[in-house]
Each structure stands twice: as structure tokens, then as C-alpha cells.
PDB file of N, CA and C in Angstrom:
ATOM      1  N   UNK A   1      -8.775   9.316  14.798  1.00  0.00           N
ATOM      2  CA  UNK A   1      -8.431   9.328  13.385  1.00  0.00           C
ATOM      3  C   UNK A   1      -7.082   8.642  13.190  1.00  0.00           C
ATOM      4  N   UNK A   2      -7.013   7.802  12.194  1.00  0.00           N
ATOM      5  CA  UNK A   2      -5.746   7.179  11.848  1.00  0.00           C
ATOM      6  C   UNK A   2      -4.857   8.232  11.200  1.00  0.00           C
ATOM      7  N   UNK A   3      -3.589   7.989  11.256  1.00  0.00           N
ATOM      8  CA  UNK A   3      -2.703   8.924  10.574  1.00  0.00           C
ATOM      9  C   UNK A   3      -2.901   8.764   9.074  1.00  0.00           C
ATOM     10  N   UNK A   4      -2.769   9.852   8.377  1.00  0.00           N
ATOM     11  CA  UNK A   4      -2.902   9.801   6.924  1.00  0.00           C
ATOM     12  C   UNK A   4      -1.802   8.940   6.318  1.00  0.00           C
ATOM     13  N   UNK A   5      -0.685   8.832   7.013  1.00  0.00           N
ATOM     14  CA  UNK A   5       0.404   7.984   6.528  1.00  0.00           C
ATOM     15  C   UNK A   5      -0.046   6.528   6.452  1.00  0.00           C
ATOM     16  N   UNK A   6      -0.873   6.075   7.407  1.00  0.00           N
ATOM     17  CA  UNK A   6      -1.386   4.702   7.368  1.00  0.00           C
ATOM     18  C   UNK A   6      -2.291   4.500   6.167  1.00  0.00           C
ATOM     19  N   UNK A   7      -3.116   5.485   5.882  1.00  0.00           N
ATOM     20  CA  UNK A   7      -4.014   5.398   4.730  1.00  0.00           C
ATOM     21  C   UNK A   7      -3.197   5.409   3.442  1.00  0.00           C
ATOM     22  N   UNK A   8      -2.218   6.287   3.377  1.00  0.00           N
ATOM     23  CA  UNK A   8      -1.359   6.344   2.186  1.00  0.00           C
ATOM     24  C   UNK A   8      -0.620   5.031   1.989  1.00  0.00           C
ATOM     25  N   UNK A   9      -0.118   4.468   3.075  1.00  0.00           N
ATOM     26  CA  UNK A   9       0.609   3.208   2.962  1.00  0.00           C
ATOM     27  C   UNK A   9      -0.315   2.088   2.504  1.00  0.00           C
ATOM     28  N   UNK A  10      -1.536   2.063   3.026  1.00  0.00           N
ATOM     29  CA  UNK A  10      -2.508   1.065   2.599  1.00  0.00           C
ATOM     30  C   UNK A  10      -2.723   1.151   1.093  1.00  0.00           C
ATOM     31  N   UNK A  11      -2.875   2.362   0.586  1.00  0.00           N
ATOM     32  CA  UNK A  11      -3.146   2.549  -0.838  1.00  0.00           C
ATOM     33  C   UNK A  11      -1.942   2.242  -1.719  1.00  0.00           C
ATOM     34  N   UNK A  12      -0.756   2.512  -1.246  1.00  0.00           N
ATOM     35  CA  UNK A  12       0.432   2.354  -2.094  1.00  0.00           C
ATOM     36  C   UNK A  12       1.119   1.008  -1.936  1.00  0.00           C
ATOM     37  N   UNK A  13       1.218   0.510  -0.729  1.00  0.00           N
ATOM     38  CA  UNK A  13       1.984  -0.717  -0.477  1.00  0.00           C
ATOM     39  C   UNK A  13       1.156  -1.813   0.146  1.00  0.00           C
ATOM     40  N   UNK A  14       0.114  -1.429   0.832  1.00  0.00           N
ATOM     41  CA  UNK A  14      -0.637  -2.371   1.642  1.00  0.00           C
ATOM     42  C   UNK A  14      -0.100  -2.370   3.059  1.00  0.00           C
ATOM     43  N   UNK A  15      -0.860  -2.961   3.954  1.00  0.00           N
ATOM     44  CA  UNK A  15      -0.488  -3.059   5.361  1.00  0.00           C
ATOM     45  C   UNK A  15      -0.541  -4.526   5.772  1.00  0.00           C
ATOM     46  N   UNK A  16       0.105  -4.878   6.874  1.00  0.00           N
ATOM     47  CA  UNK A  16      -0.074  -6.234   7.396  1.00  0.00           C
ATOM     48  C   UNK A  16      -1.572  -6.501   7.614  1.00  0.00           C
ATOM     49  N   UNK A  17      -1.962  -7.744   7.496  1.00  0.00           N
ATOM     50  CA  UNK A  17      -3.380  -8.107   7.512  1.00  0.00           C
ATOM     51  C   UNK A  17      -4.144  -7.534   8.703  1.00  0.00           C
ATOM     52  N   UNK A  18      -3.576  -7.655   9.914  1.00  0.00           N
ATOM     53  CA  UNK A  18      -4.298  -7.168  11.095  1.00  0.00           C
ATOM     54  C   UNK A  18      -4.398  -5.645  11.109  1.00  0.00           C
ATOM     55  N   UNK A  19      -3.352  -4.963  10.672  1.00  0.00           N
ATOM     56  CA  UNK A  19      -3.386  -3.494  10.612  1.00  0.00           C
ATOM     57  C   UNK A  19      -4.364  -3.020   9.547  1.00  0.00           C
ATOM     58  N   UNK A  20      -4.411  -3.722   8.416  1.00  0.00           N
ATOM     59  CA  UNK A  20      -5.358  -3.350   7.365  1.00  0.00           C
ATOM     60  C   UNK A  20      -6.791  -3.542   7.837  1.00  0.00           C
ATOM     61  N   UNK A  21      -7.037  -4.643   8.542  1.00  0.00           N
ATOM     62  CA  UNK A  21      -8.383  -4.887   9.071  1.00  0.00           C
ATOM     63  C   UNK A  21      -8.818  -3.801  10.031  1.00  0.00           C
ATOM     64  N   UNK A  22      -7.908  -3.397  10.917  1.00  0.00           N
ATOM     65  CA  UNK A  22      -8.231  -2.339  11.880  1.00  0.00           C
ATOM     66  C   UNK A  22      -8.490  -1.012  11.162  1.00  0.00           C
ATOM     67  N   UNK A  23      -7.679  -0.709  10.163  1.00  0.00           N
ATOM     68  CA  UNK A  23      -7.862   0.545   9.430  1.00  0.00           C
ATOM     69  C   UNK A  23      -9.168   0.523   8.650  1.00  0.00           C
ATOM     70  N   UNK A  24      -9.481  -0.592   7.993  1.00  0.00           N
ATOM     71  CA  UNK A  24     -10.732  -0.672   7.231  1.00  0.00           C
ATOM     72  C   UNK A  24     -11.949  -0.566   8.147  1.00  0.00           C
ATOM     73  N   UNK A  25     -11.867  -1.138   9.347  1.00  0.00           N
ATOM     74  CA  UNK A  25     -12.955  -1.002  10.317  1.00  0.00           C
ATOM     75  C   UNK A  25     -13.114   0.464  10.715  1.00  0.00           C
ATOM     76  N   UNK A  26     -12.008   1.143  10.904  1.00  0.00           N
ATOM     77  CA  UNK A  26     -12.054   2.564  11.240  1.00  0.00           C
ATOM     78  C   UNK A  26     -12.651   3.373  10.091  1.00  0.00           C
ATOM     79  N   UNK A  27     -12.241   3.069   8.858  1.00  0.00           N
ATOM     80  CA  UNK A  27     -12.750   3.800   7.700  1.00  0.00           C
ATOM     81  C   UNK A  27     -14.260   3.651   7.551  1.00  0.00           C
ATOM     82  N   UNK A  28     -14.794   2.501   7.960  1.00  0.00           N
ATOM     83  CA  UNK A  28     -16.239   2.265   7.864  1.00  0.00           C
ATOM     84  C   UNK A  28     -17.023   3.204   8.780  1.00  0.00           C
ATOM     85  N   UNK A  29     -16.389   3.666   9.859  1.00  0.00           N
ATOM     86  CA  UNK A  29     -17.110   4.506  10.804  1.00  0.00           C
ATOM     87  C   UNK A  29     -16.650   5.940  10.899  1.00  0.00           C
ATOM     88  N   UNK A  30     -15.598   6.311  10.190  1.00  0.00           N
ATOM     89  CA  UNK A  30     -15.056   7.667  10.294  1.00  0.00           C
ATOM     90  C   UNK A  30     -15.167   8.369   8.942  1.00  0.00           C
ATOM     91  N   UNK A  31     -16.094   9.299   8.843  1.00  0.00           N
ATOM     92  CA  UNK A  31     -16.342   9.992   7.575  1.00  0.00           C
ATOM     93  C   UNK A  31     -15.129  10.801   7.125  1.00  0.00           C
ATOM     94  N   UNK A  32     -14.406  11.406   8.062  1.00  0.00           N
ATOM     95  CA  UNK A  32     -13.256  12.226   7.698  1.00  0.00           C
ATOM     96  C   UNK A  32     -12.150  11.372   7.059  1.00  0.00           C
ATOM     97  N   UNK A  33     -11.828  10.256   7.698  1.00  0.00           N
ATOM     98  CA  UNK A  33     -10.791   9.375   7.155  1.00  0.00           C
ATOM     99  C   UNK A  33     -11.258   8.717   5.858  1.00  0.00           C
ATOM    100  N   UNK A  34     -12.536   8.337   5.790  1.00  0.00           N
ATOM    101  CA  UNK A  34     -13.055   7.711   4.568  1.00  0.00           C
ATOM    102  C   UNK A  34     -12.996   8.704   3.412  1.00  0.00           C
ATOM    103  N   UNK A  35     -13.297   9.969   3.689  1.00  0.00           N
ATOM    104  CA  UNK A  35     -13.210  10.991   2.650  1.00  0.00           C
ATOM    105  C   UNK A  35     -11.782  11.131   2.132  1.00  0.00           C
ATOM    106  N   UNK A  36     -10.811  11.134   3.042  1.00  0.00           N
ATOM    107  CA  UNK A  36      -9.413  11.222   2.631  1.00  0.00           C
ATOM    108  C   UNK A  36      -9.018   9.998   1.819  1.00  0.00           C
ATOM    109  N   UNK A  37      -9.427   8.801   2.291  1.00  0.00           N
ATOM    110  CA  UNK A  37      -9.133   7.557   1.578  1.00  0.00           C
ATOM    111  C   UNK A  37      -9.706   7.606   0.155  1.00  0.00           C
ATOM    112  N   UNK A  38     -10.975   7.966   0.040  1.00  0.00           N
ATOM    113  CA  UNK A  38     -11.630   8.025  -1.277  1.00  0.00           C
ATOM    114  C   UNK A  38     -10.946   9.029  -2.200  1.00  0.00           C
ATOM    115  N   UNK A  39     -10.573  10.184  -1.659  1.00  0.00           N
ATOM    116  CA  UNK A  39      -9.901  11.220  -2.445  1.00  0.00           C
ATOM    117  C   UNK A  39      -8.553  10.715  -2.962  1.00  0.00           C
ATOM    118  N   UNK A  40      -7.769  10.094  -2.103  1.00  0.00           N
ATOM    119  CA  UNK A  40      -6.465   9.588  -2.509  1.00  0.00           C
ATOM    120  C   UNK A  40      -6.591   8.430  -3.499  1.00  0.00           C
ATOM    121  N   UNK A  41      -7.586   7.582  -3.295  1.00  0.00           N
ATOM    122  CA  UNK A  41      -7.809   6.471  -4.213  1.00  0.00           C
ATOM    123  C   UNK A  41      -8.150   6.986  -5.612  1.00  0.00           C
ATOM    124  N   UNK A  42      -9.038   7.974  -5.699  1.00  0.00           N
ATOM    125  CA  UNK A  42      -9.379   8.560  -7.006  1.00  0.00           C
ATOM    126  C   UNK A  42      -8.154   9.195  -7.655  1.00  0.00           C
ATOM    127  N   UNK A  43      -7.333   9.868  -6.853  1.00  0.00           N
ATOM    128  CA  UNK A  43      -6.134  10.510  -7.390  1.00  0.00           C
ATOM    129  C   UNK A  43      -5.166   9.468  -7.945  1.00  0.00           C
ATOM    130  N   UNK A  44      -4.895   8.418  -7.187  1.00  0.00           N
ATOM    131  CA  UNK A  44      -3.971   7.382  -7.657  1.00  0.00           C
ATOM    132  C   UNK A  44      -4.479   6.702  -8.919  1.00  0.00           C
ATOM    133  N   UNK A  45      -5.770   6.442  -8.964  1.00  0.00           N
ATOM    134  CA  UNK A  45      -6.342   5.820 -10.160  1.00  0.00           C
ATOM    135  C   UNK A  45      -6.268   6.758 -11.360  1.00  0.00           C
ATOM    136  N   UNK A  46      -6.527   8.033 -11.144  1.00  0.00           N
ATOM    137  CA  UNK A  46      -6.447   9.000 -12.245  1.00  0.00           C
ATOM    138  C   UNK A  46      -5.016   9.102 -12.759  1.00  0.00           C
ATOM    139  N   UNK A  47      -4.053   9.113 -11.852  1.00  0.00           N
ATOM    140  CA  UNK A  47      -2.655   9.176 -12.263  1.00  0.00           C
ATOM    141  C   UNK A  47      -2.242   7.924 -13.030  1.00  0.00           C
ATOM    142  N   UNK A  48      -2.876   6.789 -12.717  1.00  0.00           N
ATOM    143  CA  UNK A  48      -2.578   5.540 -13.417  1.00  0.00           C
ATOM    144  C   UNK A  48      -3.251   5.490 -14.787  1.00  0.00           C
ATOM    145  N   UNK A  49      -4.173   6.409 -15.042  1.00  0.00           N
ATOM    146  CA  UNK A  49      -4.771   6.463 -16.375  1.00  0.00           C
ATOM    147  C   UNK A  49      -6.274   6.404 -16.423  1.00  0.00           C
ATOM    148  N   UNK A  50      -6.944   5.820 -15.416  1.00  0.00           N
ATOM    149  CA  UNK A  50      -8.398   5.720 -15.451  1.00  0.00           C
ATOM    150  C   UNK A  50      -8.933   5.681 -14.028  1.00  0.00           C
ATOM    151  N   UNK A  51      -9.674   6.711 -13.619  1.00  0.00           N
ATOM    152  CA  UNK A  51     -10.174   6.759 -12.246  1.00  0.00           C
ATOM    153  C   UNK A  51     -11.151   5.632 -11.908  1.00  0.00           C
ATOM    154  N   UNK A  52     -11.659   4.932 -12.927  1.00  0.00           N
ATOM    155  CA  UNK A  52     -12.620   3.864 -12.689  1.00  0.00           C
ATOM    156  C   UNK A  52     -11.961   2.492 -12.535  1.00  0.00           C
ATOM    157  N   UNK A  53     -10.686   2.373 -12.894  1.00  0.00           N
ATOM    158  CA  UNK A  53      -9.992   1.087 -12.838  1.00  0.00           C
ATOM    159  C   UNK A  53      -9.010   1.046 -11.679  1.00  0.00           C
ATOM    160  N   UNK A  54      -8.747  -0.148 -11.128  1.00  0.00           N
ATOM    161  CA  UNK A  54      -7.768  -0.265 -10.042  1.00  0.00           C
ATOM    162  C   UNK A  54      -6.378   0.174 -10.496  1.00  0.00           C
ATOM    163  N   UNK A  55      -5.657   0.782  -9.579  1.00  0.00           N
ATOM    164  CA  UNK A  55      -4.282   1.191  -9.864  1.00  0.00           C
ATOM    165  C   UNK A  55      -3.365  -0.031  -9.809  1.00  0.00           C
ATOM    166  N   UNK A  56      -2.130   0.146 -10.219  1.00  0.00           N
ATOM    167  CA  UNK A  56      -1.153  -0.948 -10.174  1.00  0.00           C
ATOM    168  C   UNK A  56      -0.962  -1.443  -8.740  1.00  0.00           C
ATOM    169  N   UNK A  57      -0.938  -0.532  -7.790  1.00  0.00           N
ATOM    170  CA  UNK A  57      -0.769  -0.933  -6.385  1.00  0.00           C
ATOM    171  C   UNK A  57      -1.958  -1.760  -5.915  1.00  0.00           C
ATOM    172  N   UNK A  58      -3.171  -1.383  -6.321  1.00  0.00           N
ATOM    173  CA  UNK A  58      -4.351  -2.178  -5.956  1.00  0.00           C
ATOM    174  C   UNK A  58      -4.274  -3.576  -6.563  1.00  0.00           C
ATOM    175  N   UNK A  59      -3.868  -3.644  -7.823  1.00  0.00           N
ATOM    176  CA  UNK A  59      -3.736  -4.948  -8.479  1.00  0.00           C
ATOM    177  C   UNK A  59      -2.709  -5.822  -7.772  1.00  0.00           C
ATOM    178  N   UNK A  60      -1.597  -5.232  -7.348  1.00  0.00           N
ATOM    179  CA  UNK A  60      -0.580  -6.003  -6.622  1.00  0.00           C
ATOM    180  C   UNK A  60      -1.131  -6.515  -5.300  1.00  0.00           C
ATOM    181  N   UNK A  61      -1.861  -5.665  -4.568  1.00  0.00           N
ATOM    182  CA  UNK A  61      -2.438  -6.092  -3.296  1.00  0.00           C
ATOM    183  C   UNK A  61      -3.443  -7.221  -3.504  1.00  0.00           C
ATOM    184  N   UNK A  62      -4.286  -7.102  -4.532  1.00  0.00           N
ATOM    185  CA  UNK A  62      -5.270  -8.149  -4.801  1.00  0.00           C
ATOM    186  C   UNK A  62      -4.581  -9.459  -5.177  1.00  0.00           C
ATOM    187  N   UNK A  63      -3.519  -9.378  -5.975  1.00  0.00           N
ATOM    188  CA  UNK A  63      -2.774 -10.585  -6.357  1.00  0.00           C
ATOM    189  C   UNK A  63      -2.122 -11.218  -5.141  1.00  0.00           C
ATOM    190  N   UNK A  64      -1.531 -10.383  -4.273  1.00  0.00           N
ATOM    191  CA  UNK A  64      -0.887 -10.881  -3.060  1.00  0.00           C
ATOM    192  C   UNK A  64      -1.902 -11.602  -2.180  1.00  0.00           C
ATOM    193  N   UNK A  65      -3.087 -11.002  -2.009  1.00  0.00           N
ATOM    194  CA  UNK A  65      -4.137 -11.626  -1.195  1.00  0.00           C
ATOM    195  C   UNK A  65      -4.607 -12.940  -1.806  1.00  0.00           C
ATOM    196  N   UNK A  66      -4.809 -12.937  -3.118  1.00  0.00           N
ATOM    197  CA  UNK A  66      -5.284 -14.150  -3.782  1.00  0.00           C
ATOM    198  C   UNK A  66      -4.260 -15.277  -3.655  1.00  0.00           C
ATOM    199  N   UNK A  67      -2.987 -14.959  -3.850  1.00  0.00           N
ATOM    200  CA  UNK A  67      -1.942 -15.972  -3.713  1.00  0.00           C
ATOM    201  C   UNK A  67      -1.855 -16.495  -2.285  1.00  0.00           C
ATOM    202  N   UNK A  68      -1.957 -15.595  -1.320  1.00  0.00           N
ATOM    203  CA  UNK A  68      -1.902 -16.008   0.081  1.00  0.00           C
ATOM    204  C   UNK A  68      -3.120 -16.868   0.438  1.00  0.00           C
ATOM    205  N   UNK A  69      -4.298 -16.477  -0.053  1.00  0.00           N
ATOM    206  CA  UNK A  69      -5.514 -17.244   0.222  1.00  0.00           C
ATOM    207  C   UNK A  69      -5.446 -18.633  -0.401  1.00  0.00           C
ATOM    208  N   UNK A  70      -4.769 -18.739  -1.530  1.00  0.00           N
ATOM    209  CA  UNK A  70      -4.621 -20.027  -2.202  1.00  0.00           C
ATOM    210  C   UNK A  70      -3.510 -20.869  -1.572  1.00  0.00           C
ATOM    211  N   UNK A  71      -2.779 -20.283  -0.619  1.00  0.00           N
ATOM    212  CA  UNK A  71      -1.725 -21.010   0.065  1.00  0.00           C
ATOM    213  C   UNK A  71      -0.470 -21.179  -0.762  1.00  0.00           C
ATOM    214  N   UNK A  72      -0.269 -20.301  -1.714  1.00  0.00           N
ATOM    215  CA  UNK A  72       0.922 -20.374  -2.553  1.00  0.00           C
ATOM    216  C   UNK A  72       2.114 -19.883  -1.746  1.00  0.00           C
ATOM    217  N   UNK A  73       3.125 -20.725  -1.598  1.00  0.00           N
ATOM    218  CA  UNK A  73       4.320 -20.354  -0.840  1.00  0.00           C
ATOM    219  C   UNK A  73       5.048 -19.227  -1.544  1.00  0.00           C
ATOM    220  N   UNK A  74       5.561 -18.302  -0.771  1.00  0.00           N
ATOM    221  CA  UNK A  74       6.322 -17.197  -1.347  1.00  0.00           C
ATOM    222  C   UNK A  74       5.459 -16.215  -2.112  1.00  0.00           C
ATOM    223  N   UNK A  75       4.193 -16.083  -1.726  1.00  0.00           N
ATOM    224  CA  UNK A  75       3.278 -15.211  -2.459  1.00  0.00           C
ATOM    225  C   UNK A  75       3.797 -13.776  -2.512  1.00  0.00           C
ATOM    226  N   UNK A  76       4.362 -13.298  -1.427  1.00  0.00           N
ATOM    227  CA  UNK A  76       4.848 -11.918  -1.418  1.00  0.00           C
ATOM    228  C   UNK A  76       5.984 -11.733  -2.407  1.00  0.00           C
ATOM    229  N   UNK A  77       6.911 -12.691  -2.460  1.00  0.00           N
ATOM    230  CA  UNK A  77       8.032 -12.562  -3.389  1.00  0.00           C
ATOM    231  C   UNK A  77       7.555 -12.622  -4.832  1.00  0.00           C
ATOM    232  N   UNK A  78       6.637 -13.546  -5.128  1.00  0.00           N
ATOM    233  CA  UNK A  78       6.127 -13.665  -6.487  1.00  0.00           C
ATOM    234  C   UNK A  78       5.398 -12.399  -6.879  1.00  0.00           C
ATOM    235  N   UNK A  79       4.608 -11.864  -5.964  1.00  0.00           N
ATOM    236  CA  UNK A  79       3.869 -10.652  -6.264  1.00  0.00           C
ATOM    237  C   UNK A  79       4.823  -9.491  -6.505  1.00  0.00           C
ATOM    238  N   UNK A  80       5.875  -9.405  -5.686  1.00  0.00           N
ATOM    239  CA  UNK A  80       6.853  -8.334  -5.840  1.00  0.00           C
ATOM    240  C   UNK A  80       7.580  -8.458  -7.178  1.00  0.00           C
ATOM    241  N   UNK A  81       7.941  -9.668  -7.533  1.00  0.00           N
ATOM    242  CA  UNK A  81       8.616  -9.896  -8.809  1.00  0.00           C
ATOM    243  C   UNK A  81       7.683  -9.514  -9.963  1.00  0.00           C
ATOM    244  N   UNK A  82       6.417  -9.927  -9.866  1.00  0.00           N
ATOM    245  CA  UNK A  82       5.452  -9.589 -10.901  1.00  0.00           C
ATOM    246  C   UNK A  82       5.273  -8.076 -10.984  1.00  0.00           C
ATOM    247  N   UNK A  83       5.283  -7.397  -9.845  1.00  0.00           N
ATOM    248  CA  UNK A  83       5.112  -5.945  -9.836  1.00  0.00           C
ATOM    249  C   UNK A  83       6.208  -5.270 -10.647  1.00  0.00           C
ATOM    250  N   UNK A  84       7.448  -5.735 -10.520  1.00  0.00           N
ATOM    251  CA  UNK A  84       8.548  -5.138 -11.297  1.00  0.00           C
ATOM    252  C   UNK A  84       8.370  -5.417 -12.783  1.00  0.00           C
ATOM    253  N   UNK A  85       7.975  -6.642 -13.123  1.00  0.00           N
ATOM    254  CA  UNK A  85       7.747  -6.986 -14.529  1.00  0.00           C
ATOM    255  C   UNK A  85       6.585  -6.177 -15.080  1.00  0.00           C
ATOM    256  N   UNK A  86       5.513  -6.094 -14.305  1.00  0.00           N
ATOM    257  CA  UNK A  86       4.341  -5.327 -14.725  1.00  0.00           C
ATOM    258  C   UNK A  86       4.713  -3.869 -14.955  1.00  0.00           C
ATOM    259  N   UNK A  87       5.493  -3.304 -14.068  1.00  0.00           N
ATOM    260  CA  UNK A  87       5.888  -1.914 -14.214  1.00  0.00           C
ATOM    261  C   UNK A  87       6.681  -1.704 -15.499  1.00  0.00           C
ATOM    262  N   UNK A  88       7.588  -2.619 -15.782  1.00  0.00           N
ATOM    263  CA  UNK A  88       8.421  -2.491 -16.983  1.00  0.00           C
ATOM    264  C   UNK A  88       7.624  -2.695 -18.263  1.00  0.00           C
ATOM    265  N   UNK A  89       6.728  -3.684 -18.276  1.00  0.00           N
ATOM    266  CA  UNK A  89       6.040  -4.047 -19.507  1.00  0.00           C
ATOM    267  C   UNK A  89       4.717  -3.321 -19.733  1.00  0.00           C
ATOM    268  N   UNK A  90       4.043  -2.960 -18.656  1.00  0.00           N
ATOM    269  CA  UNK A  90       2.710  -2.384 -18.805  1.00  0.00           C
ATOM    270  C   UNK A  90       2.684  -0.899 -18.513  1.00  0.00           C
ATOM    271  N   UNK A  91       3.099  -0.503 -17.313  1.00  0.00           N
ATOM    272  CA  UNK A  91       2.902   0.875 -16.891  1.00  0.00           C
ATOM    273  C   UNK A  91       3.893   1.846 -17.522  1.00  0.00           C
ATOM    274  N   UNK A  92       5.155   1.471 -17.658  1.00  0.00           N
ATOM    275  CA  UNK A  92       6.136   2.385 -18.232  1.00  0.00           C
ATOM    276  C   UNK A  92       5.764   2.773 -19.667  1.00  0.00           C
ATOM    277  N   UNK A  93       5.413   1.807 -20.552  1.00  0.00           N
ATOM    278  CA  UNK A  93       5.029   2.215 -21.898  1.00  0.00           C
ATOM    279  C   UNK A  93       3.798   3.119 -21.912  1.00  0.00           C
ATOM    280  N   UNK A  94       2.851   2.868 -20.995  1.00  0.00           N
ATOM    281  CA  UNK A  94       1.665   3.726 -20.947  1.00  0.00           C
ATOM    282  C   UNK A  94       2.028   5.146 -20.528  1.00  0.00           C
ATOM    283  N   UNK A  95       2.947   5.264 -19.588  1.00  0.00           N
ATOM    284  CA  UNK A  95       3.354   6.594 -19.144  1.00  0.00           C
ATOM    285  C   UNK A  95       4.064   7.332 -20.278  1.00  0.00           C
ATOM    286  N   UNK A  96       4.833   6.617 -21.073  1.00  0.00           N
ATOM    287  CA  UNK A  96       5.542   7.257 -22.180  1.00  0.00           C
ATOM    288  C   UNK A  96       4.604   7.635 -23.316  1.00  0.00           C
ATOM    289  N   UNK A  97       3.470   6.926 -23.431  1.00  0.00           N
ATOM    290  CA  UNK A  97       2.553   7.159 -24.536  1.00  0.00           C
ATOM    291  C   UNK A  97       1.602   8.320 -24.295  1.00  0.00           C
ATOM    292  N   UNK A  98       1.558   8.851 -23.097  1.00  0.00           N
ATOM    293  CA  UNK A  98       0.623   9.941 -22.798  1.00  0.00           C
ATOM    294  C   UNK A  98       1.148  11.225 -23.458  1.00  0.00           C
ATOM    295  N   UNK A  99       0.336  11.821 -24.326  1.00  0.00           N
ATOM    296  CA  UNK A  99       0.782  13.049 -25.002  1.00  0.00           C
ATOM    297  C   UNK A  99       0.828  14.232 -24.037  1.00  0.00           C
ATOM    298  N   UNK A 100       1.756  15.119 -24.280  1.00  0.00           N
ATOM    299  CA  UNK A 100       1.871  16.329 -23.449  1.00  0.00           C
ATOM    300  C   UNK A 100       0.738  17.274 -23.795  1.00  0.00           C
ATOM    301  N   UNK A 101       0.236  17.951 -22.795  1.00  0.00           N
ATOM    302  CA  UNK A 101      -0.908  18.865 -23.012  1.00  0.00           C
ATOM    303  C   UNK A 101      -0.438  20.193 -23.578  1.00  0.00           C
TER     304      UNK A 101
END
């Protein structure tokens, strides 16, 4: 079993490509780790506002991968910069708009 910290890091920050590949291969064959991964993914998505939509961290990882696949130089820096802008313009106002129960 992989450490839960590796799964958490994958979901929140991402992992280096080779480490992510190894973890995803493990998740395909380990029901216990896959269950933990699925549970944490649903939780992060729910906290972001919709359990059916990708979280901000997932969107950043997808953007980073797409930029790297396209061969864009400095993809990590651009993605990181976009993440800060996205947080300020998109996620912060949404968090403030949620009514208290």
C-alpha cells in the first residue's frame, strides 16, 4: 500500500510524472488505496462546491500536463501563476458567497 500522504499529495499538488505513474498503476490494482483515493477526491470536490466537477487542484494539474505536452517552456511557472490568479478571482469569491447554514 502506498502511503496516504502520496495519495493526498497527488490530489492536492500532483506528483512527478514517474511517481504519479507508479501510484496510478498501484491504484488500479489495490482496492484499499483506490477507495481512499476516491473518498478523498469526492471530499475535495465537495469542498470546492460540486462533487461532480474537478477541483481547483485537478484543474491546475490538467493545465500543467497540457502545457507540458504542448512543449510550452516554463509550463510549471505559468500554471503556478495562473493558480494564484484563479484562486483570487474565482475560488475566493465563491467561498465568500456560500451562505452560512
